[in-house]
ModelCIF file with pLDDT and N, C-alpha, C, O atoms, coordinates in Angstrom:
data_MODEL
#
_entry.id   MODEL 
#
_entity.id                         1 
_entity.type                       polymer 
_entity.pdbx_number_of_molecules   1 
#
_entity_poly.entity_id                      1 
_entity_poly.type                           'polypeptide(L)' 
_entity_poly.nstd_linkage                   no 
_entity_poly.nstd_monomer                   no 
_entity_poly.pdbx_seq_one_letter_code       VGDISTETGVSEETAAKLSGHSASGKTAAKKI 
_entity_poly.pdbx_seq_one_letter_code_can   VGDISTETGVSEETAAKLSGHSASGKTAAKKI 
_entity_poly.pdbx_strand_id                 A 
#
loop_
_entity_poly_seq.entity_id 
_entity_poly_seq.num 
_entity_poly_seq.mon_id 
_entity_poly_seq.hetero 
1 1  VAL n 
1 2  GLY n 
1 3  ASP n 
1 4  ILE n 
1 5  SER n 
1 6  THR n 
1 7  GLU n 
1 8  THR n 
1 9  GLY n 
1 10 VAL n 
1 11 SER n 
1 12 GLU n 
1 13 GLU n 
1 14 THR n 
1 15 ALA n 
1 16 ALA n 
1 17 LYS n 
1 18 LEU n 
1 19 SER n 
1 20 GLY n 
1 21 HIS n 
1 22 SER n 
1 23 ALA n 
1 24 SER n 
1 25 GLY n 
1 26 LYS n 
1 27 THR n 
1 28 ALA n 
1 29 ALA n 
1 30 LYS n 
1 31 LYS n 
1 32 ILE n 
#
_struct_asym.id          A 
_struct_asym.entity_id   1 
#
loop_
_ma_qa_metric.id 
_ma_qa_metric.mode 
_ma_qa_metric.name 
_ma_qa_metric.software_group_id 
_ma_qa_metric.type 
1 global pLDDT . pLDDT 
2 local  pLDDT . pLDDT 
#
_ma_qa_metric_global.metric_id      1 
_ma_qa_metric_global.metric_value   49.41 
_ma_qa_metric_global.model_id       1 
_ma_qa_metric_global.ordinal_id     1 
#
loop_
_ma_qa_metric_local.label_asym_id 
_ma_qa_metric_local.label_comp_id 
_ma_qa_metric_local.label_seq_id 
_ma_qa_metric_local.metric_id 
_ma_qa_metric_local.metric_value 
_ma_qa_metric_local.model_id 
_ma_qa_metric_local.ordinal_id 
A VAL 1  2 62.00 1 1  
A GLY 2  2 58.00 1 2  
A ASP 3  2 54.00 1 3  
A ILE 4  2 51.00 1 4  
A SER 5  2 49.00 1 5  
A THR 6  2 51.00 1 6  
A GLU 7  2 52.00 1 7  
A THR 8  2 51.00 1 8  
A GLY 9  2 52.00 1 9  
A VAL 10 2 46.00 1 10 
A SER 11 2 53.00 1 11 
A GLU 12 2 51.00 1 12 
A GLU 13 2 56.00 1 13 
A THR 14 2 54.00 1 14 
A ALA 15 2 52.00 1 15 
A ALA 16 2 55.00 1 16 
A LYS 17 2 52.00 1 17 
A LEU 18 2 49.00 1 18 
A SER 19 2 50.00 1 19 
A GLY 20 2 45.00 1 20 
A HIS 21 2 43.00 1 21 
A SER 22 2 42.00 1 22 
A ALA 23 2 40.00 1 23 
A SER 24 2 44.00 1 24 
A GLY 25 2 45.00 1 25 
A LYS 26 2 45.00 1 26 
A THR 27 2 48.00 1 27 
A ALA 28 2 45.00 1 28 
A ALA 29 2 44.00 1 29 
A LYS 30 2 46.00 1 30 
A LYS 31 2 47.00 1 31 
A ILE 32 2 49.00 1 32 
#
loop_
_atom_site.group_PDB 
_atom_site.id 
_atom_site.type_symbol 
_atom_site.label_atom_id 
_atom_site.label_alt_id 
_atom_site.label_comp_id 
_atom_site.label_asym_id 
_atom_site.label_entity_id 
_atom_site.label_seq_id 
_atom_site.pdbx_PDB_ins_code 
_atom_site.Cartn_x 
_atom_site.Cartn_y 
_atom_site.Cartn_z 
_atom_site.occupancy 
_atom_site.B_iso_or_equiv 
_atom_site.pdbx_formal_charge 
_atom_site.auth_seq_id 
_atom_site.auth_comp_id 
_atom_site.auth_asym_id 
_atom_site.auth_atom_id 
_atom_site.pdbx_PDB_model_num 
ATOM 1   N N  . VAL A 1 1  ? 11.357 -16.718 10.950 1.00 62.00 ? 1  VAL A N  1 
ATOM 2   C CA . VAL A 1 1  ? 12.452 -16.445 11.880 1.00 62.00 ? 1  VAL A CA 1 
ATOM 3   C C  . VAL A 1 1  ? 13.714 -17.172 11.439 1.00 62.00 ? 1  VAL A C  1 
ATOM 4   O O  . VAL A 1 1  ? 14.821 -16.649 11.563 1.00 62.00 ? 1  VAL A O  1 
ATOM 5   N N  . GLY A 1 2  ? 13.534 -18.392 10.919 1.00 58.00 ? 2  GLY A N  1 
ATOM 6   C CA . GLY A 1 2  ? 14.683 -19.154 10.433 1.00 58.00 ? 2  GLY A CA 1 
ATOM 7   C C  . GLY A 1 2  ? 15.361 -18.473 9.271  1.00 58.00 ? 2  GLY A C  1 
ATOM 8   O O  . GLY A 1 2  ? 16.587 -18.495 9.167  1.00 58.00 ? 2  GLY A O  1 
ATOM 9   N N  . ASP A 1 3  ? 14.564 -17.853 8.372  1.00 54.00 ? 3  ASP A N  1 
ATOM 10  C CA . ASP A 1 3  ? 15.138 -17.126 7.237  1.00 54.00 ? 3  ASP A CA 1 
ATOM 11  C C  . ASP A 1 3  ? 15.974 -15.947 7.714  1.00 54.00 ? 3  ASP A C  1 
ATOM 12  O O  . ASP A 1 3  ? 17.067 -15.704 7.202  1.00 54.00 ? 3  ASP A O  1 
ATOM 13  N N  . ILE A 1 4  ? 15.455 -15.214 8.700  1.00 51.00 ? 4  ILE A N  1 
ATOM 14  C CA . ILE A 1 4  ? 16.197 -14.070 9.232  1.00 51.00 ? 4  ILE A CA 1 
ATOM 15  C C  . ILE A 1 4  ? 17.481 -14.536 9.886  1.00 51.00 ? 4  ILE A C  1 
ATOM 16  O O  . ILE A 1 4  ? 18.525 -13.897 9.758  1.00 51.00 ? 4  ILE A O  1 
ATOM 17  N N  . SER A 1 5  ? 17.397 -15.671 10.597 1.00 49.00 ? 5  SER A N  1 
ATOM 18  C CA . SER A 1 5  ? 18.578 -16.213 11.277 1.00 49.00 ? 5  SER A CA 1 
ATOM 19  C C  . SER A 1 5  ? 19.654 -16.595 10.270 1.00 49.00 ? 5  SER A C  1 
ATOM 20  O O  . SER A 1 5  ? 20.841 -16.363 10.499 1.00 49.00 ? 5  SER A O  1 
ATOM 21  N N  . THR A 1 6  ? 19.227 -17.187 9.144  1.00 51.00 ? 6  THR A N  1 
ATOM 22  C CA . THR A 1 6  ? 20.183 -17.590 8.114  1.00 51.00 ? 6  THR A CA 1 
ATOM 23  C C  . THR A 1 6  ? 20.835 -16.389 7.456  1.00 51.00 ? 6  THR A C  1 
ATOM 24  O O  . THR A 1 6  ? 22.035 -16.396 7.185  1.00 51.00 ? 6  THR A O  1 
ATOM 25  N N  . GLU A 1 7  ? 20.032 -15.342 7.198  1.00 52.00 ? 7  GLU A N  1 
ATOM 26  C CA . GLU A 1 7  ? 20.545 -14.157 6.521  1.00 52.00 ? 7  GLU A CA 1 
ATOM 27  C C  . GLU A 1 7  ? 21.534 -13.380 7.383  1.00 52.00 ? 7  GLU A C  1 
ATOM 28  O O  . GLU A 1 7  ? 22.528 -12.851 6.885  1.00 52.00 ? 7  GLU A O  1 
ATOM 29  N N  . THR A 1 8  ? 21.245 -13.317 8.702  1.00 51.00 ? 8  THR A N  1 
ATOM 30  C CA . THR A 1 8  ? 22.066 -12.485 9.600  1.00 51.00 ? 8  THR A CA 1 
ATOM 31  C C  . THR A 1 8  ? 23.150 -13.259 10.320 1.00 51.00 ? 8  THR A C  1 
ATOM 32  O O  . THR A 1 8  ? 24.091 -12.665 10.847 1.00 51.00 ? 8  THR A O  1 
ATOM 33  N N  . GLY A 1 9  ? 23.028 -14.598 10.350 1.00 52.00 ? 9  GLY A N  1 
ATOM 34  C CA . GLY A 1 9  ? 24.027 -15.413 11.024 1.00 52.00 ? 9  GLY A CA 1 
ATOM 35  C C  . GLY A 1 9  ? 23.905 -15.421 12.533 1.00 52.00 ? 9  GLY A C  1 
ATOM 36  O O  . GLY A 1 9  ? 24.859 -15.777 13.225 1.00 52.00 ? 9  GLY A O  1 
ATOM 37  N N  . VAL A 1 10 ? 22.723 -15.029 13.073 1.00 46.00 ? 10 VAL A N  1 
ATOM 38  C CA . VAL A 1 10 ? 22.516 -15.052 14.524 1.00 46.00 ? 10 VAL A CA 1 
ATOM 39  C C  . VAL A 1 10 ? 21.590 -16.215 14.875 1.00 46.00 ? 10 VAL A C  1 
ATOM 40  O O  . VAL A 1 10 ? 21.026 -16.865 13.995 1.00 46.00 ? 10 VAL A O  1 
ATOM 41  N N  . SER A 1 11 ? 21.446 -16.461 16.167 1.00 53.00 ? 11 SER A N  1 
ATOM 42  C CA . SER A 1 11 ? 20.573 -17.550 16.611 1.00 53.00 ? 11 SER A CA 1 
ATOM 43  C C  . SER A 1 11 ? 19.124 -17.206 16.299 1.00 53.00 ? 11 SER A C  1 
ATOM 44  O O  . SER A 1 11 ? 18.780 -16.044 16.087 1.00 53.00 ? 11 SER A O  1 
ATOM 45  N N  . GLU A 1 12 ? 18.274 -18.243 16.275 1.00 51.00 ? 12 GLU A N  1 
ATOM 46  C CA . GLU A 1 12 ? 16.864 -18.018 15.987 1.00 51.00 ? 12 GLU A CA 1 
ATOM 47  C C  . GLU A 1 12 ? 16.211 -17.154 17.065 1.00 51.00 ? 12 GLU A C  1 
ATOM 48  O O  . GLU A 1 12 ? 15.339 -16.340 16.760 1.00 51.00 ? 12 GLU A O  1 
ATOM 49  N N  . GLU A 1 13 ? 16.627 -17.324 18.323 1.00 56.00 ? 13 GLU A N  1 
ATOM 50  C CA . GLU A 1 13 ? 16.072 -16.503 19.396 1.00 56.00 ? 13 GLU A CA 1 
ATOM 51  C C  . GLU A 1 13 ? 16.424 -15.035 19.193 1.00 56.00 ? 13 GLU A C  1 
ATOM 52  O O  . GLU A 1 13 ? 15.585 -14.151 19.363 1.00 56.00 ? 13 GLU A O  1 
ATOM 53  N N  . THR A 1 14 ? 17.668 -14.794 18.831 1.00 54.00 ? 14 THR A N  1 
ATOM 54  C CA . THR A 1 14 ? 18.094 -13.419 18.567 1.00 54.00 ? 14 THR A CA 1 
ATOM 55  C C  . THR A 1 14 ? 17.405 -12.865 17.331 1.00 54.00 ? 14 THR A C  1 
ATOM 56  O O  . THR A 1 14 ? 17.042 -11.690 17.285 1.00 54.00 ? 14 THR A O  1 
ATOM 57  N N  . ALA A 1 15 ? 17.227 -13.723 16.324 1.00 52.00 ? 15 ALA A N  1 
ATOM 58  C CA . ALA A 1 15 ? 16.548 -13.296 15.103 1.00 52.00 ? 15 ALA A CA 1 
ATOM 59  C C  . ALA A 1 15 ? 15.120 -12.871 15.386 1.00 52.00 ? 15 ALA A C  1 
ATOM 60  O O  . ALA A 1 15 ? 14.627 -11.905 14.805 1.00 52.00 ? 15 ALA A O  1 
ATOM 61  N N  . ALA A 1 16 ? 14.450 -13.597 16.285 1.00 55.00 ? 16 ALA A N  1 
ATOM 62  C CA . ALA A 1 16 ? 13.082 -13.240 16.639 1.00 55.00 ? 16 ALA A CA 1 
ATOM 63  C C  . ALA A 1 16 ? 13.043 -11.883 17.321 1.00 55.00 ? 16 ALA A C  1 
ATOM 64  O O  . ALA A 1 16 ? 12.119 -11.100 17.103 1.00 55.00 ? 16 ALA A O  1 
ATOM 65  N N  . LYS A 1 17 ? 14.062 -11.599 18.160 1.00 52.00 ? 17 LYS A N  1 
ATOM 66  C CA . LYS A 1 17 ? 14.117 -10.315 18.856 1.00 52.00 ? 17 LYS A CA 1 
ATOM 67  C C  . LYS A 1 17 ? 14.467 -9.177  17.902 1.00 52.00 ? 17 LYS A C  1 
ATOM 68  O O  . LYS A 1 17 ? 13.958 -8.063  18.027 1.00 52.00 ? 17 LYS A O  1 
ATOM 69  N N  . LEU A 1 18 ? 15.348 -9.481  16.943 1.00 49.00 ? 18 LEU A N  1 
ATOM 70  C CA . LEU A 1 18 ? 15.805 -8.446  16.014 1.00 49.00 ? 18 LEU A CA 1 
ATOM 71  C C  . LEU A 1 18 ? 14.822 -8.194  14.881 1.00 49.00 ? 18 LEU A C  1 
ATOM 72  O O  . LEU A 1 18 ? 14.942 -7.215  14.145 1.00 49.00 ? 18 LEU A O  1 
ATOM 73  N N  . SER A 1 19 ? 13.839 -9.096  14.749 1.00 50.00 ? 19 SER A N  1 
ATOM 74  C CA . SER A 1 19 ? 12.958 -9.022  13.586 1.00 50.00 ? 19 SER A CA 1 
ATOM 75  C C  . SER A 1 19 ? 12.158 -7.728  13.526 1.00 50.00 ? 19 SER A C  1 
ATOM 76  O O  . SER A 1 19 ? 11.698 -7.335  12.454 1.00 50.00 ? 19 SER A O  1 
ATOM 77  N N  . GLY A 1 20 ? 11.988 -7.067  14.658 1.00 45.00 ? 20 GLY A N  1 
ATOM 78  C CA . GLY A 1 20 ? 11.237 -5.814  14.654 1.00 45.00 ? 20 GLY A CA 1 
ATOM 79  C C  . GLY A 1 20 ? 12.109 -4.590  14.510 1.00 45.00 ? 20 GLY A C  1 
ATOM 80  O O  . GLY A 1 20 ? 11.610 -3.476  14.668 1.00 45.00 ? 20 GLY A O  1 
ATOM 81  N N  . HIS A 1 21 ? 13.415 -4.742  14.213 1.00 43.00 ? 21 HIS A N  1 
ATOM 82  C CA . HIS A 1 21 ? 14.338 -3.597  14.189 1.00 43.00 ? 21 HIS A CA 1 
ATOM 83  C C  . HIS A 1 21 ? 14.982 -3.372  12.826 1.00 43.00 ? 21 HIS A C  1 
ATOM 84  O O  . HIS A 1 21 ? 15.970 -2.646  12.713 1.00 43.00 ? 21 HIS A O  1 
ATOM 85  N N  . SER A 1 22 ? 14.427 -3.986  11.806 1.00 42.00 ? 22 SER A N  1 
ATOM 86  C CA . SER A 1 22 ? 14.972 -3.772  10.465 1.00 42.00 ? 22 SER A CA 1 
ATOM 87  C C  . SER A 1 22 ? 13.829 -3.798  9.465  1.00 42.00 ? 22 SER A C  1 
ATOM 88  O O  . SER A 1 22 ? 12.704 -4.180  9.787  1.00 42.00 ? 22 SER A O  1 
ATOM 89  N N  . ALA A 1 23 ? 14.139 -3.388  8.263  1.00 40.00 ? 23 ALA A N  1 
ATOM 90  C CA . ALA A 1 23 ? 13.093 -3.356  7.238  1.00 40.00 ? 23 ALA A CA 1 
ATOM 91  C C  . ALA A 1 23 ? 12.531 -4.748  6.997  1.00 40.00 ? 23 ALA A C  1 
ATOM 92  O O  . ALA A 1 23 ? 11.318 -4.959  6.996  1.00 40.00 ? 23 ALA A O  1 
ATOM 93  N N  . SER A 1 24 ? 13.464 -5.715  6.788  1.00 44.00 ? 24 SER A N  1 
ATOM 94  C CA . SER A 1 24 ? 12.997 -7.078  6.582  1.00 44.00 ? 24 SER A CA 1 
ATOM 95  C C  . SER A 1 24 ? 12.377 -7.616  7.850  1.00 44.00 ? 24 SER A C  1 
ATOM 96  O O  . SER A 1 24 ? 11.452 -8.427  7.814  1.00 44.00 ? 24 SER A O  1 
ATOM 97  N N  . GLY A 1 25 ? 12.908 -7.148  8.989  1.00 45.00 ? 25 GLY A N  1 
ATOM 98  C CA . GLY A 1 25 ? 12.383 -7.607  10.268 1.00 45.00 ? 25 GLY A CA 1 
ATOM 99  C C  . GLY A 1 25 ? 10.969 -7.133  10.501 1.00 45.00 ? 25 GLY A C  1 
ATOM 100 O O  . GLY A 1 25 ? 10.169 -7.856  11.095 1.00 45.00 ? 25 GLY A O  1 
ATOM 101 N N  . LYS A 1 26 ? 10.636 -5.920  10.044 1.00 45.00 ? 26 LYS A N  1 
ATOM 102 C CA . LYS A 1 26 ? 9.291  -5.412  10.231 1.00 45.00 ? 26 LYS A CA 1 
ATOM 103 C C  . LYS A 1 26 ? 8.277  -6.270  9.497  1.00 45.00 ? 26 LYS A C  1 
ATOM 104 O O  . LYS A 1 26 ? 7.189  -6.530  10.011 1.00 45.00 ? 26 LYS A O  1 
ATOM 105 N N  . THR A 1 27 ? 8.628  -6.707  8.305  1.00 48.00 ? 27 THR A N  1 
ATOM 106 C CA . THR A 1 27 ? 7.748  -7.597  7.554  1.00 48.00 ? 27 THR A CA 1 
ATOM 107 C C  . THR A 1 27 ? 7.551  -8.901  8.298  1.00 48.00 ? 27 THR A C  1 
ATOM 108 O O  . THR A 1 27 ? 6.439  -9.421  8.398  1.00 48.00 ? 27 THR A O  1 
ATOM 109 N N  . ALA A 1 28 ? 8.673  -9.429  8.827  1.00 45.00 ? 28 ALA A N  1 
ATOM 110 C CA . ALA A 1 28 ? 8.592  -10.677 9.575  1.00 45.00 ? 28 ALA A CA 1 
ATOM 111 C C  . ALA A 1 28 ? 7.755  -10.499 10.822 1.00 45.00 ? 28 ALA A C  1 
ATOM 112 O O  . ALA A 1 28 ? 6.970  -11.375 11.185 1.00 45.00 ? 28 ALA A O  1 
ATOM 113 N N  . ALA A 1 29 ? 7.925  -9.351  11.484 1.00 44.00 ? 29 ALA A N  1 
ATOM 114 C CA . ALA A 1 29 ? 7.209  -9.126  12.731 1.00 44.00 ? 29 ALA A CA 1 
ATOM 115 C C  . ALA A 1 29 ? 5.706  -9.153  12.509 1.00 44.00 ? 29 ALA A C  1 
ATOM 116 O O  . ALA A 1 29 ? 4.956  -9.672  13.336 1.00 44.00 ? 29 ALA A O  1 
ATOM 117 N N  . LYS A 1 30 ? 5.266  -8.585  11.375 1.00 46.00 ? 30 LYS A N  1 
ATOM 118 C CA . LYS A 1 30 ? 3.843  -8.585  11.085 1.00 46.00 ? 30 LYS A CA 1 
ATOM 119 C C  . LYS A 1 30 ? 3.313  -9.999  10.977 1.00 46.00 ? 30 LYS A C  1 
ATOM 120 O O  . LYS A 1 30 ? 2.202  -10.283 11.424 1.00 46.00 ? 30 LYS A O  1 
ATOM 121 N N  . LYS A 1 31 ? 4.088  -10.879 10.395 1.00 47.00 ? 31 LYS A N  1 
ATOM 122 C CA . LYS A 1 31 ? 3.648  -12.261 10.238 1.00 47.00 ? 31 LYS A CA 1 
ATOM 123 C C  . LYS A 1 31 ? 3.740  -13.030 11.545 1.00 47.00 ? 31 LYS A C  1 
ATOM 124 O O  . LYS A 1 31 ? 2.916  -13.905 11.812 1.00 47.00 ? 31 LYS A O  1 
ATOM 125 N N  . ILE A 1 32 ? 4.732  -12.712 12.357 1.00 49.00 ? 32 ILE A N  1 
ATOM 126 C CA . ILE A 1 32 ? 4.888  -13.395 13.636 1.00 49.00 ? 32 ILE A CA 1 
ATOM 127 C C  . ILE A 1 32 ? 3.689  -13.135 14.539 1.00 49.00 ? 32 ILE A C  1 
ATOM 128 O O  . ILE A 1 32 ? 3.645  -13.632 15.665 1.00 49.00 ? 32 ILE A O  1 
#
C-alpha cells in the first residue's frame, strides 16, 4: 500500500481503497 501511495501521491488510506481500481492496484489487492 505504501508503494502505491508513493507512486500516486495519495494518502495510504486512499491508496488502499484505490488499489482495486487499476492494473497495479489489482496485483496489490490480491496480496492485501
